[in-house]
PDB file of N, CA and C in Angstrom:
ATOM      1  N   MET A   1     210.054  59.398 -38.050  1.00  0.00           N
ATOM      2  CA  MET A   1     209.631  58.481 -37.651  1.00  0.00           C
ATOM      3  C   MET A   1     208.415  57.660 -37.082  1.00  0.00           C
ATOM      4  N   ALA A   2     208.022  58.517 -36.517  1.00  0.00           N
ATOM      5  CA  ALA A   2     206.478  58.579 -35.090  1.00  0.00           C
ATOM      6  C   ALA A   2     205.278  58.176 -36.472  1.00  0.00           C
ATOM      7  N   SER A   3     205.966  58.460 -37.966  1.00  0.00           N
ATOM      8  CA  SER A   3     204.282  58.437 -38.604  1.00  0.00           C
ATOM      9  C   SER A   3     205.027  57.306 -39.377  1.00  0.00           C
ATOM     10  N   GLU A   4     205.952  56.733 -39.537  1.00  0.00           N
ATOM     11  CA  GLU A   4     205.591  55.867 -40.175  1.00  0.00           C
ATOM     12  C   GLU A   4     205.119  54.449 -39.853  1.00  0.00           C
ATOM     13  N   PRO A   5     204.882  53.529 -40.451  1.00  0.00           N
ATOM     14  CA  PRO A   5     204.137  52.172 -40.098  1.00  0.00           C
ATOM     15  C   PRO A   5     205.025  51.288 -39.422  1.00  0.00           C
ATOM     16  N   ARG A   6     204.564  50.276 -38.174  1.00  0.00           N
ATOM     17  CA  ARG A   6     205.103  50.062 -37.218  1.00  0.00           C
ATOM     18  C   ARG A   6     205.693  48.395 -38.066  1.00  0.00           C
ATOM     19  N   VAL A   7     206.236  47.790 -37.337  1.00  0.00           N
ATOM     20  CA  VAL A   7     206.558  46.612 -38.032  1.00  0.00           C
ATOM     21  C   VAL A   7     205.241  45.397 -38.754  1.00  0.00           C
ATOM     22  N   ASP A   8     204.670  45.515 -37.781  1.00  0.00           N
ATOM     23  CA  ASP A   8     203.510  44.822 -37.759  1.00  0.00           C
ATOM     24  C   ASP A   8     201.869  45.606 -38.442  1.00  0.00           C
ATOM     25  N   GLY A   9     202.132  46.811 -39.643  1.00  0.00           N
ATOM     26  CA  GLY A   9     201.877  46.610 -40.219  1.00  0.00           C
ATOM     27  C   GLY A   9     200.614  48.244 -39.178  1.00  0.00           C
ATOM     28  N   THR A  10     200.486  48.848 -38.542  1.00  0.00           N
ATOM     29  CA  THR A  10     199.638  49.075 -37.123  1.00  0.00           C
ATOM     30  C   THR A  10     200.135  50.901 -38.059  1.00  0.00           C
ATOM     31  N   ALA A  11     198.943  51.610 -37.837  1.00  0.00           N
ATOM     32  CA  ALA A  11     199.547  53.023 -37.814  1.00  0.00           C
ATOM     33  C   ALA A  11     199.968  53.362 -36.150  1.00  0.00           C
ATOM     34  N   PRO A  12     200.363  54.394 -35.465  1.00  0.00           N
ATOM     35  CA  PRO A  12     200.766  54.594 -34.519  1.00  0.00           C
ATOM     36  C   PRO A  12     199.441  55.397 -34.162  1.00  0.00           C
ATOM     37  N   MET A  13     199.391  55.102 -32.540  1.00  0.00           N
ATOM     38  CA  MET A  13     197.923  55.534 -32.010  1.00  0.00           C
ATOM     39  C   MET A  13     198.145  57.086 -32.373  1.00  0.00           C
ATOM     40  N   ASP A  14     196.912  57.386 -32.194  1.00  0.00           N
ATOM     41  CA  ASP A  14     196.731  58.870 -32.111  1.00  0.00           C
ATOM     42  C   ASP A  14     195.638  59.042 -30.664  1.00  0.00           C
ATOM     43  N   TYR A  15     197.329  59.835 -29.810  1.00  0.00           N
ATOM     44  CA  TYR A  15     196.465  59.833 -28.293  1.00  0.00           C
ATOM     45  C   TYR A  15     195.903  60.715 -28.326  1.00  0.00           C
ATOM     46  N   ALA A  16     195.437  61.956 -29.115  1.00  0.00           N
ATOM     47  CA  ALA A  16     195.006  63.228 -28.911  1.00  0.00           C
ATOM     48  C   ALA A  16     193.411  62.601 -29.403  1.00  0.00           C
ATOM     49  N   GLU A  17     193.271  62.066 -29.892  1.00  0.00           N
ATOM     50  CA  GLU A  17     191.829  61.399 -30.739  1.00  0.00           C
ATOM     51  C   GLU A  17     191.593  60.314 -29.597  1.00  0.00           C
ATOM     52  N   HIS A  18     192.589  59.552 -28.271  1.00  0.00           N
ATOM     53  CA  HIS A  18     192.003  58.664 -27.962  1.00  0.00           C
ATOM     54  C   HIS A  18     191.752  59.237 -26.565  1.00  0.00           C
ATOM     55  N   GLU A  19     192.409  60.361 -26.046  1.00  0.00           N
ATOM     56  CA  GLU A  19     191.410  60.802 -25.056  1.00  0.00           C
ATOM     57  C   GLU A  19     190.520  62.086 -25.393  1.00  0.00           C
ATOM     58  N   ARG A  20     190.316  62.472 -26.546  1.00  0.00           N
ATOM     59  CA  ARG A  20     188.408  62.928 -26.304  1.00  0.00           C
ATOM     60  C   ARG A  20     188.044  61.819 -26.474  1.00  0.00           C
ATOM     61  N   THR A  21     187.869  60.434 -26.586  1.00  0.00           N
ATOM     62  CA  THR A  21     187.212  59.970 -26.827  1.00  0.00           C
ATOM     63  C   THR A  21     186.961  59.360 -25.624  1.00  0.00           C
ATOM     64  N   TYR A  22     187.558  58.974 -24.290  1.00  0.00           N
ATOM     65  CA  TYR A  22     188.072  58.456 -23.562  1.00  0.00           C
ATOM     66  C   TYR A  22     186.987  59.963 -22.512  1.00  0.00           C
ATOM     67  N   ALA A  23     187.045  60.640 -22.740  1.00  0.00           N
ATOM     68  CA  ALA A  23     186.634  62.139 -21.830  1.00  0.00           C
ATOM     69  C   ALA A  23     185.172  61.887 -22.017  1.00  0.00           C
ATOM     70  N   PHE A  24     184.522  61.793 -23.645  1.00  0.00           N
ATOM     71  CA  PHE A  24     183.491  61.281 -24.337  1.00  0.00           C
ATOM     72  C   PHE A  24     182.633  60.368 -23.345  1.00  0.00           C
ATOM     73  N   PHE A  25     183.388  59.257 -23.256  1.00  0.00           N
ATOM     74  CA  PHE A  25     182.216  57.819 -22.963  1.00  0.00           C
ATOM     75  C   PHE A  25     182.651  57.755 -21.453  1.00  0.00           C
ATOM     76  N   VAL A  26     183.760  58.518 -20.234  1.00  0.00           N
ATOM     77  CA  VAL A  26     183.342  59.163 -18.978  1.00  0.00           C
ATOM     78  C   VAL A  26     182.089  59.520 -19.173  1.00  0.00           C
ATOM     79  N   GLY A  27     182.172  60.763 -20.019  1.00  0.00           N
ATOM     80  CA  GLY A  27     180.868  62.038 -19.310  1.00  0.00           C
ATOM     81  C   GLY A  27     179.780  61.530 -20.088  1.00  0.00           C
ATOM     82  N   LEU A  28     179.436  60.650 -21.140  1.00  0.00           N
ATOM     83  CA  LEU A  28     177.794  59.814 -21.826  1.00  0.00           C
ATOM     84  C   LEU A  28     178.321  59.004 -20.227  1.00  0.00           C
ATOM     85  N   THR A  29     178.674  58.278 -19.744  1.00  0.00           N
ATOM     86  CA  THR A  29     178.290  57.337 -18.333  1.00  0.00           C
ATOM     87  C   THR A  29     178.412  58.368 -17.071  1.00  0.00           C
ATOM     88  N   LYS A  30     178.750  59.634 -16.926  1.00  0.00           N
ATOM     89  CA  LYS A  30     178.854  59.716 -15.195  1.00  0.00           C
ATOM     90  C   LYS A  30     177.599  60.292 -15.295  1.00  0.00           C
ATOM     91  N   TRP A  31     176.727  61.321 -16.890  1.00  0.00           N
ATOM     92  CA  TRP A  31     175.771  61.767 -16.761  1.00  0.00           C
ATOM     93  C   TRP A  31     174.322  60.518 -17.330  1.00  0.00           C
ATOM     94  N   GLY A  32     174.495  59.470 -17.747  1.00  0.00           N
ATOM     95  CA  GLY A  32     173.477  58.391 -18.021  1.00  0.00           C
ATOM     96  C   GLY A  32     173.540  57.895 -16.532  1.00  0.00           C
ATOM     97  N   THR A  33     174.270  57.682 -16.167  1.00  0.00           N
ATOM     98  CA  THR A  33     174.505  57.079 -13.916  1.00  0.00           C
ATOM     99  C   THR A  33     173.415  58.168 -13.103  1.00  0.00           C
ATOM    100  N   ILE A  34     173.857  59.174 -13.436  1.00  0.00           N
ATOM    101  CA  ILE A  34     172.447  60.765 -13.111  1.00  0.00           C
ATOM    102  C   ILE A  34     171.635  60.126 -13.192  1.00  0.00           C
ATOM    103  N   SER A  35     171.419  60.886 -14.827  1.00  0.00           N
ATOM    104  CA  SER A  35     169.313  60.118 -14.995  1.00  0.00           C
ATOM    105  C   SER A  35     168.930  59.204 -14.856  1.00  0.00           C
ATOM    106  N   LEU A  36     169.747  57.597 -15.026  1.00  0.00           N
ATOM    107  CA  LEU A  36     169.391  56.784 -13.769  1.00  0.00           C
ATOM    108  C   LEU A  36     168.933  57.076 -12.906  1.00  0.00           C
ATOM    109  N   VAL A  37     169.428  57.250 -11.964  1.00  0.00           N
ATOM    110  CA  VAL A  37     169.370  57.099 -10.364  1.00  0.00           C
ATOM    111  C   VAL A  37     168.392  58.631 -10.130  1.00  0.00           C
ATOM    112  N   ILE A  38     168.118  59.839 -10.987  1.00  0.00           N
ATOM    113  CA  ILE A  38     167.023  60.574 -11.221  1.00  0.00           C
ATOM    114  C   ILE A  38     166.058  60.102 -11.243  1.00  0.00           C
ATOM    115  N   LEU A  39     166.059  59.619 -12.294  1.00  0.00           N
ATOM    116  CA  LEU A  39     164.498  58.195 -12.745  1.00  0.00           C
ATOM    117  C   LEU A  39     164.156  57.472 -11.457  1.00  0.00           C
ATOM    118  N   MET A  40     165.608  56.579 -11.010  1.00  0.00           N
ATOM    119  CA  MET A  40     164.800  55.849 -10.230  1.00  0.00           C
ATOM    120  C   MET A  40     164.426  56.611  -8.921  1.00  0.00           C
ATOM    121  N   ILE A  41     164.477  58.085  -8.843  1.00  0.00           N
ATOM    122  CA  ILE A  41     163.508  58.335  -6.877  1.00  0.00           C
ATOM    123  C   ILE A  41     162.887  59.209  -7.859  1.00  0.00           C
ATOM    124  N   LEU A  42     162.781  59.772  -9.020  1.00  0.00           N
ATOM    125  CA  LEU A  42     161.251  60.240  -9.384  1.00  0.00           C
ATOM    126  C   LEU A  42     159.866  59.009  -9.623  1.00  0.00           C
ATOM    127  N   MET A  43     159.753  57.640  -9.902  1.00  0.00           N
ATOM    128  CA  MET A  43     159.505  56.657  -9.966  1.00  0.00           C
ATOM    129  C   MET A  43     159.352  56.419  -8.055  1.00  0.00           C
ATOM    130  N   ALA A  44     160.356  55.618  -7.261  1.00  0.00           N
ATOM    131  CA  ALA A  44     159.853  55.667  -6.356  1.00  0.00           C
ATOM    132  C   ALA A  44     159.082  56.706  -5.246  1.00  0.00           C
ATOM    133  N   ILE A  45     159.076  58.099  -5.952  1.00  0.00           N
ATOM    134  CA  ILE A  45     158.313  58.855  -5.079  1.00  0.00           C
ATOM    135  C   ILE A  45     156.649  58.770  -5.174  1.00  0.00           C
ATOM    136  N   PHE A  46     156.538  58.240  -7.474  1.00  0.00           N
ATOM    137  CA  PHE A  46     155.393  59.045  -7.682  1.00  0.00           C
ATOM    138  C   PHE A  46     154.731  57.416  -8.313  1.00  0.00           C
ATOM    139  N   LEU A  47     155.433  56.614  -7.982  1.00  0.00           N
ATOM    140  CA  LEU A  47     155.037  55.248  -8.106  1.00  0.00           C
ATOM    141  C   LEU A  47     154.632  54.640  -7.140  1.00  0.00           C
ATOM    142  N   LEU A  48     155.224  54.462  -5.529  1.00  0.00           N
ATOM    143  CA  LEU A  48     155.037  53.762  -4.647  1.00  0.00           C
ATOM    144  C   LEU A  48     153.985  54.608  -3.718  1.00  0.00           C
TER     145      LEU A  48
END
């Protein structure tokens, strides 16, 4: 029954794929933020 389409025609949600995508997004956001902070610190040191 879990693999049958819903009444509205959509497929059931794949929670494992959702969790992998969310973990990728959080990791990318974390490392992107860390990289930008390091870039700003280096710019403050060398350009001021």
